N, C-alpha and C. Protein backbone atom coordinates (compact mmCIF):
# COMPACT_ATOMS: atom_id res chain seq x y z
N UNK A 1 2.73 -20.37 -34.85
CA UNK A 1 1.50 -20.25 -35.62
C UNK A 1 1.74 -17.92 -35.99
N UNK A 2 1.73 -17.77 -36.79
CA UNK A 2 1.79 -17.06 -37.52
C UNK A 2 0.43 -16.19 -37.99
N UNK A 3 0.79 -14.43 -38.25
CA UNK A 3 -0.26 -14.15 -38.76
C UNK A 3 0.75 -12.97 -39.76
N UNK A 4 -0.67 -13.06 -40.57
CA UNK A 4 -0.23 -13.36 -42.10
C UNK A 4 -0.67 -10.70 -42.45
N UNK A 5 -0.19 -10.57 -42.78
CA UNK A 5 -0.32 -9.31 -43.91
C UNK A 5 -0.41 -8.77 -44.87
N UNK A 6 -0.69 -8.08 -45.65
CA UNK A 6 -0.93 -7.97 -47.42
C UNK A 6 0.50 -7.06 -47.46
N UNK A 7 1.35 -7.91 -47.01
CA UNK A 7 2.98 -7.13 -47.26
C UNK A 7 2.89 -6.58 -48.74
N UNK A 8 3.94 -6.37 -49.47
CA UNK A 8 3.74 -6.98 -50.26
C UNK A 8 5.63 -6.36 -50.56
N UNK A 9 6.31 -6.86 -51.71
CA UNK A 9 8.23 -6.86 -51.52
C UNK A 9 8.69 -7.98 -53.54
N UNK A 10 9.03 -7.01 -54.11
CA UNK A 10 9.42 -6.90 -55.18
C UNK A 10 9.84 -7.91 -55.17
N UNK A 11 9.69 -9.48 -56.08
CA UNK A 11 10.08 -10.13 -55.70
C UNK A 11 11.54 -10.24 -56.84
N UNK A 12 12.53 -10.72 -56.64
CA UNK A 12 13.97 -10.91 -57.43
C UNK A 12 13.80 -11.46 -58.23
N UNK A 13 14.92 -11.23 -59.16
CA UNK A 13 14.80 -11.05 -60.92
C UNK A 13 15.28 -12.57 -60.49
N UNK A 14 15.93 -12.50 -60.11
CA UNK A 14 16.59 -14.44 -59.99
C UNK A 14 16.26 -14.86 -58.67
N UNK A 15 15.17 -15.66 -58.79
CA UNK A 15 14.25 -15.44 -56.99
C UNK A 15 15.28 -16.78 -56.45
N UNK A 16 15.74 -16.37 -55.48
CA UNK A 16 16.17 -17.56 -54.24
C UNK A 16 16.33 -18.80 -53.59
N UNK A 17 16.94 -19.91 -53.72
CA UNK A 17 16.31 -21.47 -52.65
C UNK A 17 16.45 -20.67 -51.46
N UNK A 18 15.08 -20.86 -50.87
CA UNK A 18 14.70 -21.20 -49.28
C UNK A 18 14.04 -23.02 -49.12
N UNK A 19 14.49 -23.87 -47.48
CA UNK A 19 14.55 -24.55 -47.14
C UNK A 19 13.47 -24.14 -46.14
N UNK A 20 12.22 -24.77 -46.30
CA UNK A 20 11.54 -24.68 -45.57
C UNK A 20 11.22 -25.64 -44.75
N UNK A 21 10.94 -25.81 -43.25
CA UNK A 21 10.15 -26.86 -42.51
C UNK A 21 9.31 -26.61 -41.07
N UNK A 22 8.06 -27.09 -41.95
CA UNK A 22 7.23 -26.85 -40.51
C UNK A 22 6.71 -28.10 -40.54
N UNK A 23 5.70 -28.53 -39.32
CA UNK A 23 5.05 -29.76 -39.31
C UNK A 23 4.02 -29.92 -39.48
N UNK A 24 2.79 -28.21 -39.11
CA UNK A 24 1.60 -27.78 -39.36
C UNK A 24 1.47 -27.99 -41.13
N UNK A 25 -0.05 -28.02 -41.89
CA UNK A 25 0.13 -27.87 -42.40
C UNK A 25 -0.61 -26.42 -43.68
N UNK A 26 -1.36 -26.16 -42.59
CA UNK A 26 -1.42 -25.00 -42.85
C UNK A 26 -0.57 -23.37 -43.07
N UNK A 27 -0.06 -23.78 -41.73
CA UNK A 27 1.24 -22.91 -41.76
C UNK A 27 2.46 -23.33 -42.72
N UNK A 28 3.09 -24.13 -43.12
CA UNK A 28 3.78 -24.55 -44.41
C UNK A 28 3.02 -23.86 -44.98
N UNK A 29 1.85 -24.08 -45.99
CA UNK A 29 1.47 -23.52 -47.03
C UNK A 29 1.28 -21.67 -47.22
N UNK A 30 0.80 -21.34 -45.36
CA UNK A 30 0.62 -19.91 -45.92
C UNK A 30 1.83 -19.54 -46.53
N UNK A 31 3.79 -19.72 -45.05
CA UNK A 31 4.80 -19.42 -45.45
C UNK A 31 5.04 -19.89 -46.29
N UNK A 32 4.60 -21.07 -46.99
CA UNK A 32 5.61 -21.00 -48.74
C UNK A 32 5.04 -19.99 -49.66
N UNK A 33 3.68 -20.01 -49.51
CA UNK A 33 3.15 -18.83 -50.38
C UNK A 33 3.61 -17.43 -50.28
N UNK A 34 3.73 -17.18 -49.09
CA UNK A 34 4.17 -15.70 -48.53
C UNK A 34 5.68 -15.34 -49.36
N UNK A 35 6.78 -16.75 -48.96
CA UNK A 35 8.13 -16.16 -49.04
C UNK A 35 8.64 -16.78 -50.87
N UNK A 36 7.59 -17.26 -51.17
CA UNK A 36 6.90 -16.82 -52.79
C UNK A 36 7.26 -15.76 -53.30
N UNK A 37 5.89 -15.09 -52.60
CA UNK A 37 5.94 -13.24 -52.33
C UNK A 37 6.38 -12.61 -53.03
N UNK A 38 7.19 -13.27 -51.91
CA UNK A 38 8.81 -12.38 -51.51
C UNK A 38 10.24 -12.31 -52.61
N UNK A 39 10.21 -13.44 -53.82
CA UNK A 39 10.85 -13.78 -54.10
C UNK A 39 12.41 -14.38 -54.34
N UNK A 40 11.21 -15.83 -53.70
CA UNK A 40 11.77 -17.02 -52.53
C UNK A 40 11.55 -18.15 -53.18
N UNK A 41 11.96 -19.44 -53.64
CA UNK A 41 11.36 -19.87 -54.63
C UNK A 41 12.05 -21.22 -52.59
N UNK A 42 10.16 -22.44 -53.05
CA UNK A 42 10.90 -22.94 -51.65
C UNK A 42 10.36 -24.29 -51.47
N UNK A 43 11.34 -24.75 -50.49
CA UNK A 43 11.39 -26.67 -50.56
C UNK A 43 10.85 -26.28 -49.17
N UNK A 44 9.83 -27.06 -49.04
CA UNK A 44 8.91 -26.85 -47.71
C UNK A 44 8.40 -28.59 -47.48
N UNK A 45 8.95 -28.27 -46.32
CA UNK A 45 8.99 -29.88 -45.51
C UNK A 45 8.84 -30.79 -44.64
N UNK A 46 7.76 -31.25 -43.64
CA UNK A 46 6.93 -31.42 -42.83
C UNK A 46 8.22 -31.45 -41.15
N UNK A 47 9.23 -32.88 -41.99
CA UNK A 47 9.94 -32.86 -40.65
C UNK A 47 11.11 -32.50 -41.51
N UNK A 48 12.59 -32.72 -40.63
CA UNK A 48 14.30 -32.97 -40.73
C UNK A 48 14.30 -33.71 -42.00
N UNK A 49 13.53 -35.25 -41.26
CA UNK A 49 13.97 -36.24 -42.43
C UNK A 49 13.87 -36.34 -43.71
N UNK A 50 12.49 -35.57 -43.91
CA UNK A 50 12.01 -35.33 -45.56
C UNK A 50 13.02 -34.25 -45.30
N UNK A 51 13.10 -33.05 -45.20
CA UNK A 51 14.28 -32.27 -46.11
C UNK A 51 15.07 -32.90 -46.44
N UNK A 52 15.56 -34.04 -46.03
CA UNK A 52 17.15 -33.56 -46.26
C UNK A 52 17.15 -34.72 -46.92
N UNK A 53 16.28 -35.76 -47.41
CA UNK A 53 16.70 -36.07 -48.62
C UNK A 53 15.65 -35.45 -50.18
N UNK A 54 15.90 -34.24 -49.74
CA UNK A 54 15.93 -33.53 -50.97
C UNK A 54 16.25 -32.96 -51.66
N UNK A 55 16.90 -33.67 -52.92
CA UNK A 55 18.06 -33.36 -53.83
C UNK A 55 17.70 -31.77 -54.14
N UNK A 56 17.69 -30.66 -53.70
CA UNK A 56 18.03 -29.16 -54.30
C UNK A 56 18.53 -29.04 -52.48
N UNK A 57 18.88 -29.77 -51.38
CA UNK A 57 19.30 -28.82 -50.37
C UNK A 57 20.35 -28.21 -50.64
N UNK A 58 21.32 -28.90 -51.61
CA UNK A 58 22.97 -28.27 -51.08
C UNK A 58 22.60 -27.14 -51.99
N UNK A 59 22.11 -26.86 -52.50
CA UNK A 59 21.52 -25.03 -52.90
C UNK A 59 20.54 -24.57 -52.60
N UNK A 60 20.68 -24.52 -50.81
CA UNK A 60 19.99 -22.85 -50.36
C UNK A 60 20.30 -22.54 -49.16
N UNK A 61 19.95 -21.29 -50.23
CA UNK A 61 20.06 -19.72 -49.27
C UNK A 61 19.70 -19.47 -47.76
N UNK A 62 18.74 -19.81 -47.97
CA UNK A 62 18.56 -20.23 -46.39
C UNK A 62 17.06 -21.28 -45.62
N UNK A 63 17.37 -21.40 -44.58
CA UNK A 63 16.99 -21.89 -43.72
C UNK A 63 15.36 -21.36 -42.69
N UNK A 64 14.59 -21.89 -42.97
CA UNK A 64 13.55 -21.54 -41.52
C UNK A 64 12.78 -23.01 -41.11
N UNK A 65 13.04 -23.48 -39.90
CA UNK A 65 12.59 -24.47 -39.17
C UNK A 65 11.90 -24.01 -37.75
N UNK A 66 11.21 -24.42 -37.52
CA UNK A 66 10.19 -25.07 -36.09
C UNK A 66 11.52 -25.52 -34.91
N UNK A 67 11.10 -25.87 -34.63
CA UNK A 67 12.85 -25.76 -33.31
C UNK A 67 11.86 -27.39 -33.43
N UNK A 68 10.25 -27.35 -32.81
CA UNK A 68 9.50 -28.53 -31.90
C UNK A 68 8.42 -28.60 -33.66
N UNK A 69 9.39 -29.68 -34.13
CA UNK A 69 8.26 -30.57 -34.86
C UNK A 69 7.98 -32.45 -35.05
N UNK A 70 6.46 -31.73 -34.92
CA UNK A 70 6.14 -33.21 -34.87
C UNK A 70 5.95 -34.33 -35.90
N UNK A 71 6.13 -33.85 -36.70
CA UNK A 71 5.85 -35.90 -37.49
C UNK A 71 7.36 -36.20 -37.60
N UNK A 72 8.91 -35.75 -36.91
CA UNK A 72 10.33 -36.99 -37.12
C UNK A 72 10.41 -36.51 -35.48
N UNK A 73 11.17 -37.13 -35.73
CA UNK A 73 12.01 -37.55 -34.67
C UNK A 73 13.05 -36.90 -34.29
N UNK A 74 13.80 -35.69 -35.38
CA UNK A 74 14.60 -34.88 -34.79
C UNK A 74 13.98 -33.48 -34.95
N UNK A 75 14.54 -32.10 -34.11
CA UNK A 75 13.92 -30.97 -34.18
C UNK A 75 14.04 -30.14 -35.29
N UNK A 76 13.72 -29.08 -34.95
CA UNK A 76 14.60 -27.56 -35.46
C UNK A 76 16.62 -28.44 -35.10
N UNK A 77 16.23 -28.08 -34.19
CA UNK A 77 18.13 -27.91 -33.61
C UNK A 77 18.94 -28.96 -34.49
N UNK A 78 18.40 -29.57 -34.37
CA UNK A 78 19.03 -31.33 -34.94
C UNK A 78 19.23 -30.88 -36.19
N UNK A 79 18.13 -29.98 -36.43
CA UNK A 79 18.38 -30.01 -37.92
C UNK A 79 19.75 -28.82 -39.42
N UNK A 80 20.33 -27.96 -37.70
CA UNK A 80 21.41 -27.27 -38.19
C UNK A 80 22.64 -28.25 -38.02
N UNK A 81 22.76 -29.43 -37.43
CA UNK A 81 24.47 -30.05 -37.63
C UNK A 81 23.49 -31.16 -38.11
N UNK A 82 22.65 -31.33 -38.95
CA UNK A 82 22.83 -32.12 -39.63
C UNK A 82 23.11 -31.41 -40.75
N UNK A 83 22.93 -30.91 -41.30
CA UNK A 83 23.07 -29.54 -42.46
C UNK A 83 24.43 -29.52 -42.88
N UNK A 84 24.91 -28.99 -41.55
CA UNK A 84 26.56 -29.29 -41.88
C UNK A 84 27.12 -30.47 -41.49
N UNK A 85 26.40 -31.10 -41.40
CA UNK A 85 27.68 -32.67 -41.65
C UNK A 85 27.07 -32.81 -43.51
N UNK A 86 26.13 -32.40 -44.51
CA UNK A 86 25.82 -31.88 -45.76
C UNK A 86 26.64 -31.28 -46.19
N UNK A 87 27.54 -30.79 -45.45
CA UNK A 87 28.02 -29.44 -45.77
C UNK A 87 27.67 -28.19 -46.64
N UNK A 88 25.53 -27.75 -46.21
CA UNK A 88 24.99 -26.83 -46.33
C UNK A 88 25.43 -25.74 -45.51
N UNK A 89 25.71 -24.16 -45.57
CA UNK A 89 25.78 -23.66 -44.60
C UNK A 89 24.64 -22.51 -44.67
N UNK A 90 24.35 -22.46 -45.04
CA UNK A 90 23.01 -21.69 -45.00
C UNK A 90 23.17 -20.91 -43.83
N UNK A 91 22.08 -20.14 -43.77
CA UNK A 91 21.73 -19.14 -42.35
C UNK A 91 20.49 -20.03 -41.89
N UNK A 92 20.48 -20.66 -41.06
CA UNK A 92 18.94 -20.90 -40.18
C UNK A 92 18.68 -20.15 -39.23
N UNK A 93 17.40 -20.29 -39.58
CA UNK A 93 16.74 -19.42 -38.49
C UNK A 93 15.44 -20.19 -38.34
N UNK A 94 15.33 -19.98 -36.70
CA UNK A 94 14.22 -21.25 -36.34
C UNK A 94 12.98 -20.30 -35.53
N UNK A 95 12.42 -21.22 -36.09
CA UNK A 95 10.63 -20.19 -35.13
C UNK A 95 10.61 -21.12 -33.45
N UNK A 96 10.53 -20.33 -33.28
CA UNK A 96 10.08 -21.09 -31.85
C UNK A 96 9.02 -19.92 -30.33
N UNK A 97 8.94 -20.55 -29.22
CA UNK A 97 7.79 -19.87 -28.79
C UNK A 97 8.46 -19.51 -27.23
N UNK A 98 9.68 -19.76 -27.62
CA UNK A 98 10.46 -20.03 -26.34
C UNK A 98 10.35 -20.00 -24.60
N UNK A 99 9.76 -21.44 -25.00
CA UNK A 99 8.96 -22.15 -24.00
C UNK A 99 9.87 -22.51 -23.02
N UNK A 100 11.00 -23.22 -23.79
CA UNK A 100 11.79 -23.87 -22.69
C UNK A 100 12.97 -23.72 -23.19
N UNK A 101 14.46 -23.06 -21.95
CA UNK A 101 15.04 -22.21 -21.49
C UNK A 101 15.84 -22.76 -22.08
N UNK A 102 16.14 -24.95 -21.33
CA UNK A 102 17.77 -25.23 -22.26
C UNK A 102 17.90 -26.02 -24.29
N UNK A 103 15.76 -25.47 -24.24
CA UNK A 103 15.97 -25.68 -25.48
C UNK A 103 16.27 -24.86 -26.44
N UNK A 104 16.12 -23.09 -25.51
CA UNK A 104 16.68 -21.91 -26.38
C UNK A 104 18.12 -22.04 -26.29
N UNK A 105 19.00 -22.30 -24.94
CA UNK A 105 20.46 -22.70 -25.12
C UNK A 105 20.47 -22.99 -25.91
N UNK A 106 20.24 -24.89 -26.60
CA UNK A 106 20.57 -25.53 -27.56
C UNK A 106 20.70 -24.83 -28.50
N UNK A 107 20.19 -24.79 -29.01
CA UNK A 107 19.69 -23.80 -30.40
C UNK A 107 20.00 -22.29 -30.37
N UNK A 108 21.39 -21.97 -29.89
CA UNK A 108 21.55 -20.86 -29.43
C UNK A 108 23.39 -21.40 -29.99
N UNK A 109 23.56 -22.03 -28.75
CA UNK A 109 25.05 -23.60 -29.05
C UNK A 109 24.62 -24.30 -30.30
N UNK A 110 23.75 -24.44 -31.26
CA UNK A 110 23.37 -25.73 -32.12
C UNK A 110 24.27 -24.06 -33.46
N UNK A 111 24.36 -22.98 -33.29
CA UNK A 111 24.25 -22.21 -34.02
C UNK A 111 23.10 -21.43 -35.39
N UNK A 112 21.89 -21.34 -34.59
CA UNK A 112 20.82 -20.53 -35.24
C UNK A 112 21.36 -19.15 -35.88
N UNK A 113 20.55 -18.83 -36.79
CA UNK A 113 21.86 -17.77 -37.39
C UNK A 113 20.59 -16.90 -36.27
N UNK A 114 19.45 -16.99 -35.87
CA UNK A 114 18.58 -16.06 -35.65
C UNK A 114 17.30 -16.68 -35.22
N UNK A 115 16.54 -16.84 -33.61
CA UNK A 115 15.34 -17.42 -33.40
C UNK A 115 14.00 -16.15 -33.92
N UNK A 116 13.09 -16.34 -33.84
CA UNK A 116 11.51 -15.52 -34.72
C UNK A 116 10.61 -16.45 -33.59
N UNK A 117 9.88 -15.12 -32.44
CA UNK A 117 9.14 -15.99 -32.16
C UNK A 117 8.10 -15.68 -32.42
N UNK A 118 6.85 -16.80 -31.99
CA UNK A 118 5.96 -16.80 -32.69
C UNK A 118 5.02 -15.92 -31.19
N UNK A 119 3.87 -15.24 -32.13
CA UNK A 119 2.75 -15.48 -33.05
C UNK A 119 3.94 -14.14 -33.90
N UNK A 120 4.93 -14.29 -35.15
CA UNK A 120 5.05 -13.45 -36.02
C UNK A 120 4.21 -12.97 -38.03
N UNK A 121 4.37 -12.25 -38.03
CA UNK A 121 4.68 -11.54 -39.38
C UNK A 121 4.97 -12.15 -40.45
N UNK A 122 4.05 -12.61 -42.02
CA UNK A 122 5.21 -12.48 -43.03
C UNK A 122 6.21 -11.87 -43.16
N UNK A 123 5.75 -10.48 -42.68
CA UNK A 123 6.94 -9.46 -43.23
C UNK A 123 8.30 -9.45 -42.26
N UNK A 124 8.09 -9.27 -40.57
CA UNK A 124 8.80 -10.18 -39.55
C UNK A 124 10.16 -11.10 -40.41
N UNK A 125 9.28 -12.27 -40.88
CA UNK A 125 9.85 -12.93 -41.82
C UNK A 125 10.80 -12.91 -42.88
N UNK A 126 10.00 -12.12 -43.29
CA UNK A 126 10.88 -11.25 -44.89
C UNK A 126 12.34 -10.82 -44.36
N UNK A 127 11.77 -9.63 -43.61
CA UNK A 127 13.33 -9.27 -42.75
C UNK A 127 14.41 -9.94 -42.34
N UNK A 128 13.73 -10.42 -41.48
CA UNK A 128 15.15 -11.35 -41.09
C UNK A 128 15.97 -12.09 -41.82
N UNK A 129 15.43 -13.12 -42.66
CA UNK A 129 16.36 -13.63 -43.82
C UNK A 129 17.16 -12.16 -44.88
N UNK A 130 16.25 -11.27 -45.09
CA UNK A 130 17.13 -9.88 -46.03
C UNK A 130 18.80 -10.12 -44.92
N UNK A 131 18.13 -9.99 -43.63
CA UNK A 131 19.21 -9.61 -43.19
C UNK A 131 20.38 -10.37 -42.55
N UNK A 132 19.80 -11.69 -42.98
CA UNK A 132 21.11 -12.94 -42.65
C UNK A 132 21.51 -13.38 -43.60
N UNK A 133 20.62 -13.13 -44.59
CA UNK A 133 21.72 -13.41 -46.25
C UNK A 133 22.19 -12.12 -47.04
N UNK A 134 22.08 -10.79 -47.01
CA UNK A 134 22.45 -9.93 -47.65
C UNK A 134 23.91 -9.68 -47.45
N UNK A 135 24.49 -10.08 -46.25
CA UNK A 135 25.65 -9.76 -45.83
C UNK A 135 25.98 -10.78 -46.17
N UNK A 136 27.51 -10.55 -47.05
CA UNK A 136 28.08 -10.99 -47.57
C UNK A 136 29.25 -11.81 -46.64
N UNK A 137 29.59 -11.91 -46.03
CA UNK A 137 30.81 -11.83 -44.73
C UNK A 137 30.54 -12.71 -43.73
N UNK A 138 31.01 -13.28 -42.55
CA UNK A 138 30.74 -13.89 -42.20
C UNK A 138 30.26 -13.27 -40.75
N UNK A 139 28.86 -13.94 -41.15
CA UNK A 139 28.59 -13.05 -39.38
C UNK A 139 28.34 -12.89 -38.19
N UNK A 140 29.47 -13.39 -37.42
CA UNK A 140 29.89 -13.63 -37.00
C UNK A 140 31.58 -12.38 -36.39
N UNK A 141 31.28 -13.07 -37.06
CA UNK A 141 32.47 -11.68 -37.78
C UNK A 141 32.50 -10.00 -37.94
N UNK A 142 31.67 -9.86 -37.99
CA UNK A 142 30.68 -8.53 -37.90
C UNK A 142 30.20 -8.05 -36.48
N UNK A 143 29.47 -9.17 -35.86
CA UNK A 143 29.14 -8.95 -34.06
C UNK A 143 30.40 -8.88 -33.85
N UNK A 144 31.63 -9.82 -33.63
CA UNK A 144 33.40 -9.20 -33.11
C UNK A 144 33.11 -8.12 -33.45
N UNK A 145 33.35 -7.89 -34.45
CA UNK A 145 33.87 -6.23 -34.43
C UNK A 145 33.14 -4.95 -33.94
N UNK A 146 31.66 -5.23 -34.07
CA UNK A 146 31.38 -4.53 -34.12
C UNK A 146 31.20 -4.60 -32.00
N UNK A 147 31.30 -5.70 -31.86
CA UNK A 147 31.42 -5.49 -30.11
C UNK A 147 33.01 -5.28 -30.07
N UNK A 148 33.83 -5.99 -29.68
CA UNK A 148 34.94 -5.57 -30.19
C UNK A 148 35.95 -4.07 -28.99
N UNK A 149 34.74 -2.81 -30.15
CA UNK A 149 35.20 -1.42 -30.28
C UNK A 149 34.50 -1.21 -28.64
N UNK A 150 33.82 -1.62 -28.19
CA UNK A 150 33.08 -0.78 -26.90
C UNK A 150 33.51 -1.23 -25.84
N UNK A 151 34.40 -2.66 -25.88
CA UNK A 151 35.52 -2.29 -24.17
C UNK A 151 33.91 -3.10 -22.96
N UNK A 152 32.68 -3.71 -23.69
CA UNK A 152 32.29 -4.54 -22.43
C UNK A 152 33.10 -5.06 -21.47
N UNK A 153 31.84 -5.23 -20.25
CA UNK A 153 32.54 -6.56 -19.67
C UNK A 153 31.58 -7.99 -19.98
N UNK A 154 32.03 -8.90 -19.61
CA UNK A 154 31.37 -10.50 -19.86
C UNK A 154 31.03 -10.65 -19.81
N UNK A 155 29.44 -9.79 -18.54
CA UNK A 155 28.18 -9.86 -18.51
C UNK A 155 27.24 -8.84 -20.07
N UNK A 156 28.34 -7.80 -20.39
CA UNK A 156 27.21 -7.03 -21.13
C UNK A 156 27.30 -7.41 -22.51
N UNK A 157 28.17 -8.11 -22.51
CA UNK A 157 28.66 -8.79 -24.55
C UNK A 157 27.70 -9.45 -24.66
N UNK A 158 27.47 -11.27 -23.28
CA UNK A 158 26.67 -12.23 -23.21
C UNK A 158 25.30 -11.69 -23.61
N UNK A 159 24.96 -10.40 -22.75
CA UNK A 159 23.62 -9.85 -23.11
C UNK A 159 22.96 -9.08 -24.66
N UNK A 160 23.96 -8.30 -25.09
CA UNK A 160 24.57 -8.01 -26.18
C UNK A 160 24.28 -9.00 -27.33
N UNK A 161 25.36 -10.00 -27.38
CA UNK A 161 24.88 -11.21 -28.72
C UNK A 161 23.38 -11.57 -27.95
N UNK A 162 23.11 -12.48 -27.07
CA UNK A 162 21.35 -12.41 -27.08
C UNK A 162 20.77 -11.71 -27.52
N UNK A 163 21.41 -10.30 -27.48
CA UNK A 163 20.21 -9.28 -27.57
C UNK A 163 20.25 -10.28 -29.54
N UNK A 164 20.97 -9.85 -29.97
CA UNK A 164 21.65 -10.04 -31.69
C UNK A 164 20.72 -10.95 -31.76
N UNK A 165 21.11 -12.12 -31.67
CA UNK A 165 20.37 -14.12 -31.87
C UNK A 165 18.57 -13.07 -31.51
N UNK A 166 17.99 -11.94 -31.95
CA UNK A 166 16.34 -11.88 -31.75
C UNK A 166 15.77 -12.12 -30.32
N UNK A 167 16.66 -12.50 -28.90
CA UNK A 167 16.06 -12.24 -27.80
C UNK A 167 15.42 -11.00 -26.67
N UNK A 168 13.98 -10.98 -26.76
CA UNK A 168 13.80 -9.69 -25.42
C UNK A 168 14.07 -9.95 -24.09
N UNK A 169 15.01 -8.91 -23.93
CA UNK A 169 14.75 -9.20 -22.67
C UNK A 169 14.75 -9.64 -21.16
N UNK A 170 13.25 -9.82 -21.45
CA UNK A 170 12.30 -10.89 -20.15
C UNK A 170 12.90 -11.95 -20.33
N UNK A 171 12.91 -12.94 -22.30
CA UNK A 171 13.78 -13.99 -22.23
C UNK A 171 15.40 -14.58 -21.71
N UNK A 172 15.97 -12.71 -21.75
CA UNK A 172 17.60 -13.38 -21.97
C UNK A 172 17.57 -13.44 -20.32
N UNK A 173 16.77 -12.41 -19.45
CA UNK A 173 16.76 -12.32 -17.78
C UNK A 173 16.43 -13.65 -17.23
N UNK A 174 15.81 -14.38 -18.56
CA UNK A 174 14.96 -16.17 -17.23
C UNK A 174 15.91 -16.84 -18.22
N UNK A 175 17.12 -16.24 -19.64
CA UNK A 175 18.13 -17.77 -19.16
C UNK A 175 19.15 -17.62 -18.03
N UNK A 176 19.95 -16.39 -17.80
CA UNK A 176 21.12 -15.90 -16.97
C UNK A 176 20.88 -15.79 -15.33
N UNK A 177 18.76 -15.95 -15.12
CA UNK A 177 18.95 -15.80 -14.13
C UNK A 177 18.56 -14.19 -12.83
N UNK A 178 19.13 -13.99 -14.02
CA UNK A 178 18.69 -12.04 -13.63
C UNK A 178 16.77 -11.36 -13.97
N UNK A 179 16.34 -10.74 -13.37
CA UNK A 179 15.42 -10.41 -13.82
C UNK A 179 15.44 -8.82 -15.24
N UNK A 180 13.63 -8.82 -15.58
CA UNK A 180 14.29 -7.82 -17.00
C UNK A 180 14.80 -6.99 -16.74
N UNK A 181 14.15 -6.23 -15.73
CA UNK A 181 14.82 -4.76 -14.96
C UNK A 181 16.36 -4.65 -15.38
N UNK A 182 17.09 -5.70 -14.79
CA UNK A 182 18.65 -5.91 -14.49
C UNK A 182 19.07 -6.04 -16.52
N UNK A 183 18.45 -6.66 -16.51
CA UNK A 183 18.92 -6.92 -18.40
C UNK A 183 19.11 -6.02 -19.10
N UNK A 184 18.10 -4.76 -18.77
CA UNK A 184 17.36 -3.66 -19.16
C UNK A 184 19.00 -2.57 -18.97
N UNK A 185 18.78 -3.42 -18.58
CA UNK A 185 20.39 -2.24 -16.68
C UNK A 185 21.53 -2.04 -18.39
N UNK A 186 21.69 -3.50 -18.17
CA UNK A 186 22.85 -3.83 -18.99
C UNK A 186 22.99 -3.57 -19.98
N UNK A 187 21.55 -3.72 -20.97
CA UNK A 187 21.02 -2.87 -21.86
C UNK A 187 21.44 -1.13 -22.39
N UNK A 188 21.94 -0.78 -21.56
CA UNK A 188 21.91 0.23 -21.11
C UNK A 188 23.28 0.59 -21.72
N UNK A 189 24.48 -0.02 -20.69
CA UNK A 189 25.80 -0.20 -20.42
C UNK A 189 25.79 0.04 -22.22
N UNK A 190 26.03 -0.84 -22.85
CA UNK A 190 25.81 -1.87 -24.05
C UNK A 190 25.39 -0.45 -24.63
N UNK A 191 24.12 -0.29 -25.13
CA UNK A 191 24.09 1.47 -26.06
C UNK A 191 24.14 2.44 -26.02
N UNK A 192 25.02 2.67 -24.42
CA UNK A 192 26.14 3.68 -24.39
C UNK A 192 27.29 3.88 -24.71
N UNK A 193 28.02 2.53 -24.64
CA UNK A 193 29.55 1.80 -24.91
C UNK A 193 29.47 2.26 -26.72
N UNK A 194 28.26 1.63 -27.66
CA UNK A 194 28.71 1.66 -28.59
C UNK A 194 28.25 3.15 -29.27
N UNK A 195 27.12 3.49 -29.25
CA UNK A 195 27.18 4.80 -28.76
C UNK A 195 25.07 4.73 -29.79
N UNK A 196 25.05 3.90 -28.96
CA UNK A 196 23.25 3.83 -30.36
C UNK A 196 21.75 4.12 -29.37
N UNK A 197 21.32 4.46 -30.51
CA UNK A 197 20.25 5.58 -28.57
C UNK A 197 19.23 3.60 -27.94
N UNK A 198 19.18 2.39 -29.19
CA UNK A 198 18.54 1.37 -28.73
C UNK A 198 18.32 0.16 -30.10
N UNK A 199 17.59 -0.96 -29.79
CA UNK A 199 18.20 -1.98 -30.41
C UNK A 199 18.05 -1.60 -31.75
N UNK A 200 17.04 -1.03 -32.26
CA UNK A 200 17.21 -0.73 -33.97
C UNK A 200 17.94 -0.24 -34.41
N UNK A 201 18.89 1.24 -33.44
CA UNK A 201 20.05 0.89 -33.97
C UNK A 201 22.09 0.24 -33.60
N UNK A 202 21.11 -0.11 -32.67
CA UNK A 202 22.28 -1.46 -32.39
C UNK A 202 22.04 -2.68 -33.47
N UNK A 203 21.00 -2.61 -33.82
CA UNK A 203 21.21 -4.21 -35.37
C UNK A 203 21.38 -2.97 -36.62
N UNK A 204 21.46 -2.00 -36.80
CA UNK A 204 22.01 -1.39 -37.60
C UNK A 204 23.68 -1.35 -37.83
N UNK A 205 23.83 -1.20 -36.32
CA UNK A 205 25.63 -1.57 -36.56
C UNK A 205 26.21 -2.45 -36.78
N UNK A 206 25.12 -3.39 -36.29
CA UNK A 206 26.35 -4.54 -36.21
C UNK A 206 25.68 -5.24 -37.57
N UNK A 207 24.34 -5.41 -38.47
CA UNK A 207 24.46 -5.65 -39.71
C UNK A 207 24.22 -4.29 -40.55
N UNK A 208 25.39 -3.56 -40.93
CA UNK A 208 24.03 -1.75 -41.98
C UNK A 208 23.79 -2.63 -43.25
N UNK A 209 22.84 -2.52 -43.38
CA UNK A 209 21.95 -1.96 -44.52
C UNK A 209 23.24 -1.42 -46.15
């Protein structure tokens, strides 16, 4: 589920190619149309199985996929490993309701570049895609470089990395078996050690625009 706004963004001179895997026809149509308006050429498919057969697959620069896909046996999480087997290294943005903690952990472990929570606006998706595709160096190296300066405790570093995956304090607490209040206390320490005022400055520090 997503909400649509009348956002406008100037398309790039050379549209980039994005793979969209969404089993709900209406959502797929809306997202494909908005991505096109944002300057992306969109390969839209209802399942992982269909997406993997696309002849243009090797050329995609980003991937957007729902975690739960009803039209096939494979999930959005399965898509990540399938893409890597095909030597497709494009960053993958998974769309999820965060309803299943085990599934969430699996997404992170599989190498999702970002987890976008439902409902979301198409503008927020545009911003996420810009974030994960405009940095032309390894994202993991950027994160490691930023966090290594702060001398974080192991718990603080784990919380910080989950924040950078797009999770809220409540979601991190559910994953780690802590209260939201405890996670926020860890984040306060993380931000203090990094010299930032909050989540927005933290993202900007790690992923400078």
